[in-house]
Full PDB file with SEQRES, HELIX, SHEET, SSBOND, CRYST1, ORIGX, SCALE, CONECT and MASTER records, all heavy atoms in Angstrom:
SEQRES   1 A   43  GLY VAL ALA GLY VAL GLU THR LEU LYS ASN LEU VAL LEU          
SEQRES   2 A   43  PRO GLY ILE GLY SER PHE THR ILE VAL ASP PRO ALA THR          
SEQRES   3 A   43  VAL THR GLU ALA ASP LEU GLY VAL ASN PHE PHE LEU ASP          
SEQRES   4 A   43  GLN ASP SER LEU                                              
HELIX    1 AA1 VAL A    2  VAL A   12  1                                  11    
HELIX    2 AA2 GLU A   29  VAL A   34  1                                   6    
HELIX    3 AA3 GLN A   40  SER A   42  5                                   3    
CRYST1    1.000    1.000    1.000  90.00  90.00  90.00 P 1           1          
ORIGX1      1.000000  0.000000  0.000000        0.00000                         
ORIGX2      0.000000  1.000000  0.000000        0.00000                         
ORIGX3      0.000000  0.000000  1.000000        0.00000                         
SCALE1      1.000000  0.000000  0.000000        0.00000                         
SCALE2      0.000000  1.000000  0.000000        0.00000                         
SCALE3      0.000000  0.000000  1.000000        0.00000                         
ATOM      1  N   GLY A   1     176.539-107.323   1.548  1.00  0.00           N  
ATOM      2  CA  GLY A   1     175.195-107.851   1.362  1.00  0.00           C  
ATOM      3  C   GLY A   1     174.108-107.157   2.154  1.00  0.00           C  
ATOM      4  O   GLY A   1     172.942-107.523   2.062  1.00  0.00           O  
ATOM      5  N   VAL A   2     174.459-106.146   2.974  1.00  0.00           N  
ATOM      6  CA  VAL A   2     173.454-105.471   3.783  1.00  0.00           C  
ATOM      7  C   VAL A   2     172.601-104.532   2.930  1.00  0.00           C  
ATOM      8  O   VAL A   2     171.376-104.476   3.073  1.00  0.00           O  
ATOM      9  CB  VAL A   2     174.114-104.687   4.942  1.00  0.00           C  
ATOM     10  CG1 VAL A   2     173.049-104.032   5.816  1.00  0.00           C  
ATOM     11  CG2 VAL A   2     174.999-105.611   5.775  1.00  0.00           C  
ATOM     12  N   ALA A   3     173.241-103.788   2.029  1.00  0.00           N  
ATOM     13  CA  ALA A   3     172.507-102.815   1.213  1.00  0.00           C  
ATOM     14  C   ALA A   3     171.441-103.496   0.359  1.00  0.00           C  
ATOM     15  O   ALA A   3     170.361-102.936   0.147  1.00  0.00           O  
ATOM     16  CB  ALA A   3     173.476-102.034   0.319  1.00  0.00           C  
ATOM     17  N   GLY A   4     171.743-104.708  -0.118  1.00  0.00           N  
ATOM     18  CA  GLY A   4     170.753-105.425  -0.916  1.00  0.00           C  
ATOM     19  C   GLY A   4     169.522-105.774  -0.111  1.00  0.00           C  
ATOM     20  O   GLY A   4     168.379-105.629  -0.578  1.00  0.00           O  
ATOM     21  N   VAL A   5     169.718-106.227   1.135  1.00  0.00           N  
ATOM     22  CA  VAL A   5     168.588-106.578   1.995  1.00  0.00           C  
ATOM     23  C   VAL A   5     167.802-105.326   2.376  1.00  0.00           C  
ATOM     24  O   VAL A   5     166.569-105.333   2.426  1.00  0.00           O  
ATOM     25  CB  VAL A   5     169.081-107.324   3.249  1.00  0.00           C  
ATOM     26  CG1 VAL A   5     167.936-107.590   4.213  1.00  0.00           C  
ATOM     27  CG2 VAL A   5     169.749-108.639   2.858  1.00  0.00           C  
ATOM     28  N   GLU A   6     168.510-104.217   2.653  1.00  0.00           N  
ATOM     29  CA  GLU A   6     167.837-102.964   2.975  1.00  0.00           C  
ATOM     30  C   GLU A   6     167.014-102.461   1.777  1.00  0.00           C  
ATOM     31  O   GLU A   6     165.938-101.894   1.952  1.00  0.00           O  
ATOM     32  CB  GLU A   6     168.858-101.905   3.396  1.00  0.00           C  
ATOM     33  CG  GLU A   6     169.483-102.144   4.752  1.00  0.00           C  
ATOM     34  CD  GLU A   6     168.493-101.937   5.896  1.00  0.00           C  
ATOM     35  OE1 GLU A   6     167.533-101.161   5.727  1.00  0.00           O  
ATOM     36  OE2 GLU A   6     168.683-102.542   6.959  1.00  0.00           O  
ATOM     37  N   THR A   7     167.515-102.686   0.587  1.00  0.00           N  
ATOM     38  CA  THR A   7     166.751-102.315  -0.612  1.00  0.00           C  
ATOM     39  C   THR A   7     165.471-103.136  -0.688  1.00  0.00           C  
ATOM     40  O   THR A   7     164.379-102.598  -0.935  1.00  0.00           O  
ATOM     41  CB  THR A   7     167.594-102.547  -1.883  1.00  0.00           C  
ATOM     42  OG1 THR A   7     168.780-101.747  -1.823  1.00  0.00           O  
ATOM     43  CG2 THR A   7     166.808-102.183  -3.129  1.00  0.00           C  
ATOM     44  N   LEU A   8     165.600-104.442  -0.468  1.00  0.00           N  
ATOM     45  CA  LEU A   8     164.413-105.305  -0.495  1.00  0.00           C  
ATOM     46  C   LEU A   8     163.393-104.882   0.554  1.00  0.00           C  
ATOM     47  O   LEU A   8     162.186-104.920   0.319  1.00  0.00           O  
ATOM     48  CB  LEU A   8     164.810-106.763  -0.270  1.00  0.00           C  
ATOM     49  CG  LEU A   8     165.054-107.630  -1.498  1.00  0.00           C  
ATOM     50  CD1 LEU A   8     165.193-109.089  -1.088  1.00  0.00           C  
ATOM     51  CD2 LEU A   8     163.948-107.485  -2.532  1.00  0.00           C  
ATOM     52  N   LYS A   9     163.888-104.500   1.740  1.00  0.00           N  
ATOM     53  CA  LYS A   9     162.966-104.045   2.791  1.00  0.00           C  
ATOM     54  C   LYS A   9     162.079-102.918   2.266  1.00  0.00           C  
ATOM     55  O   LYS A   9     160.858-102.913   2.497  1.00  0.00           O  
ATOM     56  CB  LYS A   9     163.761-103.542   3.997  1.00  0.00           C  
ATOM     57  CG  LYS A   9     162.904-102.907   5.083  1.00  0.00           C  
ATOM     58  CD  LYS A   9     163.733-102.031   6.016  1.00  0.00           C  
ATOM     59  CE  LYS A   9     164.129-100.729   5.343  1.00  0.00           C  
ATOM     60  NZ  LYS A   9     164.871 -99.818   6.243  1.00  0.00           N  
ATOM     61  N   ASN A  10     162.694-101.983   1.542  1.00  0.00           N  
ATOM     62  CA  ASN A  10     161.951-100.827   1.035  1.00  0.00           C  
ATOM     63  C   ASN A  10     161.089-101.151  -0.182  1.00  0.00           C  
ATOM     64  O   ASN A  10     160.357-100.288  -0.665  1.00  0.00           O  
ATOM     65  CB  ASN A  10     162.933 -99.701   0.685  1.00  0.00           C  
ATOM     66  CG  ASN A  10     163.600 -99.133   1.917  1.00  0.00           C  
ATOM     67  OD1 ASN A  10     162.948 -98.707   2.850  1.00  0.00           O  
ATOM     68  ND2 ASN A  10     164.924 -99.148   1.926  1.00  0.00           N  
ATOM     69  N   LEU A  11     161.172-102.367  -0.670  1.00  0.00           N  
ATOM     70  CA  LEU A  11     160.276-102.831  -1.729  1.00  0.00           C  
ATOM     71  C   LEU A  11     159.189-103.738  -1.176  1.00  0.00           C  
ATOM     72  O   LEU A  11     158.066-103.767  -1.693  1.00  0.00           O  
ATOM     73  CB  LEU A  11     161.078-103.574  -2.806  1.00  0.00           C  
ATOM     74  CG  LEU A  11     162.135-102.750  -3.539  1.00  0.00           C  
ATOM     75  CD1 LEU A  11     162.886-103.628  -4.535  1.00  0.00           C  
ATOM     76  CD2 LEU A  11     161.514-101.561  -4.252  1.00  0.00           C  
ATOM     77  N   VAL A  12     159.517-104.465  -0.115  1.00  0.00           N  
ATOM     78  CA  VAL A  12     158.519-105.332   0.519  1.00  0.00           C  
ATOM     79  C   VAL A  12     157.445-104.492   1.202  1.00  0.00           C  
ATOM     80  O   VAL A  12     156.251-104.788   1.117  1.00  0.00           O  
ATOM     81  CB  VAL A  12     159.203-106.277   1.534  1.00  0.00           C  
ATOM     82  CG1 VAL A  12     158.170-106.983   2.402  1.00  0.00           C  
ATOM     83  CG2 VAL A  12     160.063-107.310   0.803  1.00  0.00           C  
ATOM     84  N   LEU A  13     157.850-103.429   1.875  1.00  0.00           N  
ATOM     85  CA  LEU A  13     156.879-102.603   2.604  1.00  0.00           C  
ATOM     86  C   LEU A  13     155.796-102.020   1.700  1.00  0.00           C  
ATOM     87  O   LEU A  13     154.613-102.070   2.051  1.00  0.00           O  
ATOM     88  CB  LEU A  13     157.610-101.493   3.363  1.00  0.00           C  
ATOM     89  CG  LEU A  13     158.405-101.962   4.593  1.00  0.00           C  
ATOM     90  CD1 LEU A  13     159.260-100.840   5.143  1.00  0.00           C  
ATOM     91  CD2 LEU A  13     157.456-102.470   5.672  1.00  0.00           C  
ATOM     92  N   PRO A  14     156.114-101.465   0.523  1.00  0.00           N  
ATOM     93  CA  PRO A  14     155.047-100.952  -0.349  1.00  0.00           C  
ATOM     94  C   PRO A  14     154.323-102.033  -1.140  1.00  0.00           C  
ATOM     95  O   PRO A  14     153.365-101.732  -1.838  1.00  0.00           O  
ATOM     96  CB  PRO A  14     155.778 -99.982  -1.279  1.00  0.00           C  
ATOM     97  CG  PRO A  14     157.171-100.472  -1.326  1.00  0.00           C  
ATOM     98  CD  PRO A  14     157.443-101.036   0.036  1.00  0.00           C  
ATOM     99  N   GLY A  15     154.783-103.288  -1.058  1.00  0.00           N  
ATOM    100  CA  GLY A  15     153.973-104.374  -1.607  1.00  0.00           C  
ATOM    101  C   GLY A  15     154.344-104.903  -2.968  1.00  0.00           C  
ATOM    102  O   GLY A  15     153.467-105.109  -3.805  1.00  0.00           O  
ATOM    103  N   ILE A  16     155.654-105.184  -3.227  1.00  0.00           N  
ATOM    104  CA  ILE A  16     155.974-105.906  -4.458  1.00  0.00           C  
ATOM    105  C   ILE A  16     155.321-107.277  -4.396  1.00  0.00           C  
ATOM    106  O   ILE A  16     155.002-107.782  -3.315  1.00  0.00           O  
ATOM    107  CB  ILE A  16     157.501-106.060  -4.666  1.00  0.00           C  
ATOM    108  CG1 ILE A  16     158.153-106.745  -3.456  1.00  0.00           C  
ATOM    109  CG2 ILE A  16     158.146-104.739  -4.981  1.00  0.00           C  
ATOM    110  CD1 ILE A  16     159.591-107.135  -3.678  1.00  0.00           C  
ATOM    111  N   GLY A  17     155.133-107.894  -5.554  1.00  0.00           N  
ATOM    112  CA  GLY A  17     154.461-109.189  -5.575  1.00  0.00           C  
ATOM    113  C   GLY A  17     155.250-110.263  -4.863  1.00  0.00           C  
ATOM    114  O   GLY A  17     154.729-110.972  -3.994  1.00  0.00           O  
ATOM    115  N   SER A  18     156.541-110.386  -5.195  1.00  0.00           N  
ATOM    116  CA  SER A  18     157.378-111.410  -4.570  1.00  0.00           C  
ATOM    117  C   SER A  18     158.833-111.074  -4.800  1.00  0.00           C  
ATOM    118  O   SER A  18     159.176-110.205  -5.616  1.00  0.00           O  
ATOM    119  CB  SER A  18     157.059-112.797  -5.141  1.00  0.00           C  
ATOM    120  OG  SER A  18     157.351-112.835  -6.540  1.00  0.00           O  
ATOM    121  N   PHE A  19     159.691-111.771  -4.089  1.00  0.00           N  
ATOM    122  CA  PHE A  19     161.134-111.588  -4.250  1.00  0.00           C  
ATOM    123  C   PHE A  19     161.836-112.923  -4.091  1.00  0.00           C  
ATOM    124  O   PHE A  19     161.304-113.863  -3.496  1.00  0.00           O  
ATOM    125  CB  PHE A  19     161.681-110.562  -3.243  1.00  0.00           C  
ATOM    126  CG  PHE A  19     161.575-110.999  -1.809  1.00  0.00           C  
ATOM    127  CD1 PHE A  19     162.567-111.770  -1.208  1.00  0.00           C  
ATOM    128  CD2 PHE A  19     160.475-110.631  -1.037  1.00  0.00           C  
ATOM    129  CE1 PHE A  19     162.465-112.173   0.117  1.00  0.00           C  
ATOM    130  CE2 PHE A  19     160.358-111.034   0.296  1.00  0.00           C  
ATOM    131  CZ  PHE A  19     161.358-111.801   0.871  1.00  0.00           C  
ATOM    132  N   THR A  20     163.040-112.994  -4.645  1.00  0.00           N  
ATOM    133  CA  THR A  20     163.892-114.172  -4.502  1.00  0.00           C  
ATOM    134  C   THR A  20     165.263-113.696  -4.055  1.00  0.00           C  
ATOM    135  O   THR A  20     165.829-112.773  -4.650  1.00  0.00           O  
ATOM    136  CB  THR A  20     164.032-114.932  -5.832  1.00  0.00           C  
ATOM    137  OG1 THR A  20     162.740-115.280  -6.326  1.00  0.00           O  
ATOM    138  CG2 THR A  20     164.864-116.196  -5.644  1.00  0.00           C  
ATOM    139  N   ILE A  21     165.808-114.309  -3.024  1.00  0.00           N  
ATOM    140  CA  ILE A  21     167.163-113.993  -2.561  1.00  0.00           C  
ATOM    141  C   ILE A  21     168.074-115.160  -2.903  1.00  0.00           C  
ATOM    142  O   ILE A  21     167.799-116.304  -2.524  1.00  0.00           O  
ATOM    143  CB  ILE A  21     167.200-113.750  -1.034  1.00  0.00           C  
ATOM    144  CG1 ILE A  21     166.304-112.573  -0.659  1.00  0.00           C  
ATOM    145  CG2 ILE A  21     168.633-113.495  -0.569  1.00  0.00           C  
ATOM    146  CD1 ILE A  21     166.224-112.330   0.850  1.00  0.00           C  
ATOM    147  N   VAL A  22     169.139-114.882  -3.648  1.00  0.00           N  
ATOM    148  CA  VAL A  22     170.161-115.877  -3.944  1.00  0.00           C  
ATOM    149  C   VAL A  22     171.411-115.478  -3.176  1.00  0.00           C  
ATOM    150  O   VAL A  22     171.982-114.406  -3.402  1.00  0.00           O  
ATOM    151  CB  VAL A  22     170.461-115.941  -5.458  1.00  0.00           C  
ATOM    152  CG1 VAL A  22     171.640-116.881  -5.721  1.00  0.00           C  
ATOM    153  CG2 VAL A  22     169.232-116.402  -6.217  1.00  0.00           C  
ATOM    154  N   ASP A  23     171.823-116.308  -2.224  1.00  0.00           N  
ATOM    155  CA  ASP A  23     172.950-115.966  -1.353  1.00  0.00           C  
ATOM    156  C   ASP A  23     173.524-117.261  -0.782  1.00  0.00           C  
ATOM    157  O   ASP A  23     172.888-117.925   0.042  1.00  0.00           O  
ATOM    158  CB  ASP A  23     172.458-115.048  -0.227  1.00  0.00           C  
ATOM    159  CG  ASP A  23     173.604-114.491   0.608  1.00  0.00           C  
ATOM    160  OD1 ASP A  23     174.731-114.992   0.493  1.00  0.00           O  
ATOM    161  OD2 ASP A  23     173.342-113.553   1.402  1.00  0.00           O  
ATOM    162  N   PRO A  24     174.738-117.669  -1.200  1.00  0.00           N  
ATOM    163  CA  PRO A  24     175.317-118.923  -0.701  1.00  0.00           C  
ATOM    164  C   PRO A  24     175.950-118.805   0.680  1.00  0.00           C  
ATOM    165  O   PRO A  24     176.402-119.812   1.238  1.00  0.00           O  
ATOM    166  CB  PRO A  24     176.376-119.249  -1.765  1.00  0.00           C  
ATOM    167  CG  PRO A  24     176.783-117.902  -2.292  1.00  0.00           C  
ATOM    168  CD  PRO A  24     175.552-117.051  -2.258  1.00  0.00           C  
ATOM    169  N   ALA A  25     175.986-117.595   1.258  1.00  0.00           N  
ATOM    170  CA  ALA A  25     176.676-117.387   2.528  1.00  0.00           C  
ATOM    171  C   ALA A  25     175.880-117.958   3.700  1.00  0.00           C  
ATOM    172  O   ALA A  25     174.652-118.099   3.639  1.00  0.00           O  
ATOM    173  CB  ALA A  25     176.929-115.895   2.745  1.00  0.00           C  
ATOM    174  N   THR A  26     176.589-118.282   4.775  1.00  0.00           N  
ATOM    175  CA  THR A  26     175.958-118.646   6.042  1.00  0.00           C  
ATOM    176  C   THR A  26     176.150-117.491   7.021  1.00  0.00           C  
ATOM    177  O   THR A  26     177.081-116.684   6.892  1.00  0.00           O  
ATOM    178  CB  THR A  26     176.573-119.925   6.634  1.00  0.00           C  
ATOM    179  OG1 THR A  26     177.996-119.746   6.761  1.00  0.00           O  
ATOM    180  CG2 THR A  26     176.299-121.118   5.741  1.00  0.00           C  
ATOM    181  N   VAL A  27     175.275-117.424   8.003  1.00  0.00           N  
ATOM    182  CA  VAL A  27     175.281-116.297   8.934  1.00  0.00           C  
ATOM    183  C   VAL A  27     176.416-116.447   9.938  1.00  0.00           C  
ATOM    184  O   VAL A  27     176.599-117.504  10.550  1.00  0.00           O  
ATOM    185  CB  VAL A  27     173.933-116.201   9.673  1.00  0.00           C  
ATOM    186  CG1 VAL A  27     173.940-115.019  10.642  1.00  0.00           C  
ATOM    187  CG2 VAL A  27     172.788-116.070   8.681  1.00  0.00           C  
ATOM    188  N   THR A  28     177.192-115.361  10.090  1.00  0.00           N  
ATOM    189  CA  THR A  28     178.305-115.325  11.046  1.00  0.00           C  
ATOM    190  C   THR A  28     178.048-114.248  12.086  1.00  0.00           C  
ATOM    191  O   THR A  28     177.100-113.460  11.980  1.00  0.00           O  
ATOM    192  CB  THR A  28     179.621-115.018  10.314  1.00  0.00           C  
ATOM    193  OG1 THR A  28     179.549-113.685   9.772  1.00  0.00           O  
ATOM    194  CG2 THR A  28     179.878-116.008   9.179  1.00  0.00           C  
ATOM    195  N   GLU A  29     178.908-114.193  13.093  1.00  0.00           N  
ATOM    196  CA  GLU A  29     178.798-113.156  14.122  1.00  0.00           C  
ATOM    197  C   GLU A  29     178.909-111.767  13.499  1.00  0.00           C  
ATOM    198  O   GLU A  29     178.239-110.823  13.934  1.00  0.00           O  
ATOM    199  CB  GLU A  29     179.905-113.339  15.170  1.00  0.00           C  
ATOM    200  CG  GLU A  29     179.728-114.546  16.072  1.00  0.00           C  
ATOM    201  CD  GLU A  29     178.707-114.293  17.182  1.00  0.00           C  
ATOM    202  OE1 GLU A  29     178.174-113.164  17.250  1.00  0.00           O  
ATOM    203  OE2 GLU A  29     178.428-115.227  17.943  1.00  0.00           O  
ATOM    204  N   ALA A  30     179.766-111.639  12.508  1.00  0.00           N  
ATOM    205  CA  ALA A  30     179.935-110.328  11.855  1.00  0.00           C  
ATOM    206  C   ALA A  30     178.634-109.868  11.209  1.00  0.00           C  
ATOM    207  O   ALA A  30     178.313-108.673  11.206  1.00  0.00           O  
ATOM    208  CB  ALA A  30     181.051-110.408  10.814  1.00  0.00           C  
ATOM    209  N   ASP A  31     177.864-110.804  10.668  1.00  0.00           N  
ATOM    210  CA  ASP A  31     176.579-110.449  10.061  1.00  0.00           C  
ATOM    211  C   ASP A  31     175.641-109.809  11.079  1.00  0.00           C  
ATOM    212  O   ASP A  31     174.929-108.852  10.778  1.00  0.00           O  
ATOM    213  CB  ASP A  31     175.896-111.686   9.469  1.00  0.00           C  
ATOM    214  CG  ASP A  31     176.511-112.127   8.161  1.00  0.00           C  
ATOM    215  OD1 ASP A  31     176.453-111.354   7.202  1.00  0.00           O  
ATOM    216  OD2 ASP A  31     177.039-113.244   8.112  1.00  0.00           O  
ATOM    217  N   LEU A  32     175.638-110.359  12.283  1.00  0.00           N  
ATOM    218  CA  LEU A  32     174.692-109.886  13.295  1.00  0.00           C  
ATOM    219  C   LEU A  32     174.956-108.439  13.682  1.00  0.00           C  
ATOM    220  O   LEU A  32     174.047-107.732  14.136  1.00  0.00           O  
ATOM    221  CB  LEU A  32     174.756-110.774  14.544  1.00  0.00           C  
ATOM    222  CG  LEU A  32     174.458-112.263  14.348  1.00  0.00           C  
ATOM    223  CD1 LEU A  32     174.464-112.987  15.695  1.00  0.00           C  
ATOM    224  CD2 LEU A  32     173.120-112.464  13.653  1.00  0.00           C  
ATOM    225  N   GLY A  33     176.191-107.980  13.511  1.00  0.00           N  
ATOM    226  CA  GLY A  33     176.522-106.611  13.891  1.00  0.00           C  
ATOM    227  C   GLY A  33     176.075-105.561  12.902  1.00  0.00           C  
ATOM    228  O   GLY A  33     176.006-104.380  13.254  1.00  0.00           O  
ATOM    229  N   VAL A  34     175.753-105.969  11.662  1.00  0.00           N  
ATOM    230  CA  VAL A  34     175.422-104.968  10.645  1.00  0.00           C  
ATOM    231  C   VAL A  34     174.106-105.234   9.930  1.00  0.00           C  
ATOM    232  O   VAL A  34     173.566-104.350   9.267  1.00  0.00           O  
ATOM    233  CB  VAL A  34     176.541-104.868   9.576  1.00  0.00           C  
ATOM    234  CG1 VAL A  34     177.807-104.291  10.177  1.00  0.00           C  
ATOM    235  CG2 VAL A  34     176.817-106.228   8.935  1.00  0.00           C  
ATOM    236  N   ASN A  35     173.563-106.439  10.048  1.00  0.00           N  
ATOM    237  CA  ASN A  35     172.344-106.783   9.320  1.00  0.00           C  
ATOM    238  C   ASN A  35     171.186-106.944  10.298  1.00  0.00           C  
ATOM    239  O   ASN A  35     171.145-107.891  11.083  1.00  0.00           O  
ATOM    240  CB  ASN A  35     172.555-108.083   8.531  1.00  0.00           C  
ATOM    241  CG  ASN A  35     171.451-108.324   7.519  1.00  0.00           C  
ATOM    242  OD1 ASN A  35     170.308-107.920   7.709  1.00  0.00           O  
ATOM    243  ND2 ASN A  35     171.789-109.005   6.432  1.00  0.00           N  
ATOM    244  N   PHE A  36     170.239-106.003  10.272  1.00  0.00           N  
ATOM    245  CA  PHE A  36     169.117-106.039  11.206  1.00  0.00           C  
ATOM    246  C   PHE A  36     168.087-107.110  10.857  1.00  0.00           C  
ATOM    247  O   PHE A  36     167.148-107.325  11.622  1.00  0.00           O  
ATOM    248  CB  PHE A  36     168.430-104.673  11.240  1.00  0.00           C  
ATOM    249  CG  PHE A  36     169.192-103.633  12.016  1.00  0.00           C  
ATOM    250  CD1 PHE A  36     170.467-103.883  12.488  1.00  0.00           C  
ATOM    251  CD2 PHE A  36     168.626-102.397  12.273  1.00  0.00           C  
ATOM    252  CE1 PHE A  36     171.176-102.927  13.198  1.00  0.00           C  
ATOM    253  CE2 PHE A  36     169.322-101.426  12.985  1.00  0.00           C  
ATOM    254  CZ  PHE A  36     170.604-101.691  13.455  1.00  0.00           C  
ATOM    255  N   PHE A  37     168.251-107.768   9.726  1.00  0.00           N  
ATOM    256  CA  PHE A  37     167.316-108.823   9.344  1.00  0.00           C  
ATOM    257  C   PHE A  37     167.907-110.206   9.611  1.00  0.00           C  
ATOM    258  O   PHE A  37     167.622-111.170   8.911  1.00  0.00           O  
ATOM    259  CB  PHE A  37     166.902-108.656   7.886  1.00  0.00           C  
ATOM    260  CG  PHE A  37     165.986-107.482   7.694  1.00  0.00           C  
ATOM    261  CD1 PHE A  37     166.496-106.247   7.368  1.00  0.00           C  
ATOM    262  CD2 PHE A  37     164.625-107.602   7.905  1.00  0.00           C  
ATOM    263  CE1 PHE A  37     165.661-105.143   7.233  1.00  0.00           C  
ATOM    264  CE2 PHE A  37     163.783-106.511   7.768  1.00  0.00           C  
ATOM    265  CZ  PHE A  37     164.303-105.274   7.432  1.00  0.00           C  
ATOM    266  N   LEU A  38     168.725-110.263  10.650  1.00  0.00           N  
ATOM    267  CA  LEU A  38     169.252-111.523  11.171  1.00  0.00           C  
ATOM    268  C   LEU A  38     169.235-111.425  12.691  1.00  0.00           C  
ATOM    269  O   LEU A  38     169.353-110.324  13.244  1.00  0.00           O  
ATOM    270  CB  LEU A  38     170.682-111.762  10.669  1.00  0.00           C  
ATOM    271  CG  LEU A  38     170.859-111.933   9.153  1.00  0.00           C  
ATOM    272  CD1 LEU A  38     172.339-111.920   8.786  1.00  0.00           C  
ATOM    273  CD2 LEU A  38     170.207-113.219   8.672  1.00  0.00           C  
ATOM    274  N   ASP A  39     169.105-112.556  13.380  1.00  0.00           N  
ATOM    275  CA  ASP A  39     169.150-112.538  14.845  1.00  0.00           C  
ATOM    276  C   ASP A  39     170.049-113.670  15.337  1.00  0.00           C  
ATOM    277  O   ASP A  39     170.611-114.433  14.538  1.00  0.00           O  
ATOM    278  CB  ASP A  39     167.744-112.631  15.441  1.00  0.00           C  
ATOM    279  CG  ASP A  39     166.952-113.839  14.943  1.00  0.00           C  
ATOM    280  OD1 ASP A  39     167.587-114.878  14.648  1.00  0.00           O  
ATOM    281  OD2 ASP A  39     165.720-113.747  14.826  1.00  0.00           O  
ATOM    282  N   GLN A  40     170.172-113.770  16.647  1.00  0.00           N  
ATOM    283  CA  GLN A  40     171.098-114.744  17.241  1.00  0.00           C  
ATOM    284  C   GLN A  40     170.778-116.163  16.803  1.00  0.00           C  
ATOM    285  O   GLN A  40     171.682-116.984  16.608  1.00  0.00           O  
ATOM    286  CB  GLN A  40     171.025-114.632  18.769  1.00  0.00           C  
ATOM    287  CG  GLN A  40     172.152-115.354  19.494  1.00  0.00           C  
ATOM    288  CD  GLN A  40     173.494-114.658  19.303  1.00  0.00           C  
ATOM    289  OE1 GLN A  40     173.555-113.450  19.117  1.00  0.00           O  
ATOM    290  NE2 GLN A  40     174.574-115.441  19.329  1.00  0.00           N  
ATOM    291  N   ASP A  41     169.498-116.453  16.626  1.00  0.00           N  
ATOM    292  CA  ASP A  41     169.112-117.812  16.216  1.00  0.00           C  
ATOM    293  C   ASP A  41     169.507-118.117  14.776  1.00  0.00           C  
ATOM    294  O   ASP A  41     169.424-119.271  14.339  1.00  0.00           O  
ATOM    295  CB  ASP A  41     167.599-117.988  16.360  1.00  0.00           C  
ATOM    296  CG  ASP A  41     167.151-117.954  17.817  1.00  0.00           C  
ATOM    297  OD1 ASP A  41     167.994-118.243  18.685  1.00  0.00           O  
ATOM    298  OD2 ASP A  41     165.974-117.625  18.069  1.00  0.00           O  
ATOM    299  N   SER A  42     169.924-117.074  14.019  1.00  0.00           N  
ATOM    300  CA  SER A  42     170.288-117.276  12.616  1.00  0.00           C  
ATOM    301  C   SER A  42     171.706-117.792  12.440  1.00  0.00           C  
ATOM    302  O   SER A  42     172.077-118.228  11.334  1.00  0.00           O  
ATOM    303  CB  SER A  42     170.144-115.949  11.846  1.00  0.00           C  
ATOM    304  OG  SER A  42     168.837-115.436  11.933  1.00  0.00           O  
ATOM    305  N   LEU A  43     172.520-117.719  13.483  1.00  0.00           N  
ATOM    306  CA  LEU A  43     173.934-118.100  13.373  1.00  0.00           C  
ATOM    307  C   LEU A  43     174.094-119.495  12.774  1.00  0.00           C  
ATOM    308  O   LEU A  43     173.428-120.449  13.193  1.00  0.00           O  
ATOM    309  CB  LEU A  43     174.606-118.060  14.740  1.00  0.00           C  
ATOM    310  CG  LEU A  43     175.117-116.693  15.207  1.00  0.00           C  
ATOM    311  CD1 LEU A  43     175.636-116.791  16.629  1.00  0.00           C  
ATOM    312  CD2 LEU A  43     176.216-116.191  14.271  1.00  0.00           C  
TER     313      LEU A  43                                                      
MASTER        0    0    0    3    0    0    0    6  312    1    0    4          
END                                                                             
């Protein structure tokens, strides 16, 4: 799921109108090691 978020980052910066994220997962420790768009408070 990291590549999808990184793709969105590169669409948000140039100004797409809006986006929707569908993701049933909850944030784990493993997520924090590879996804820069999550932080400790997201656990």
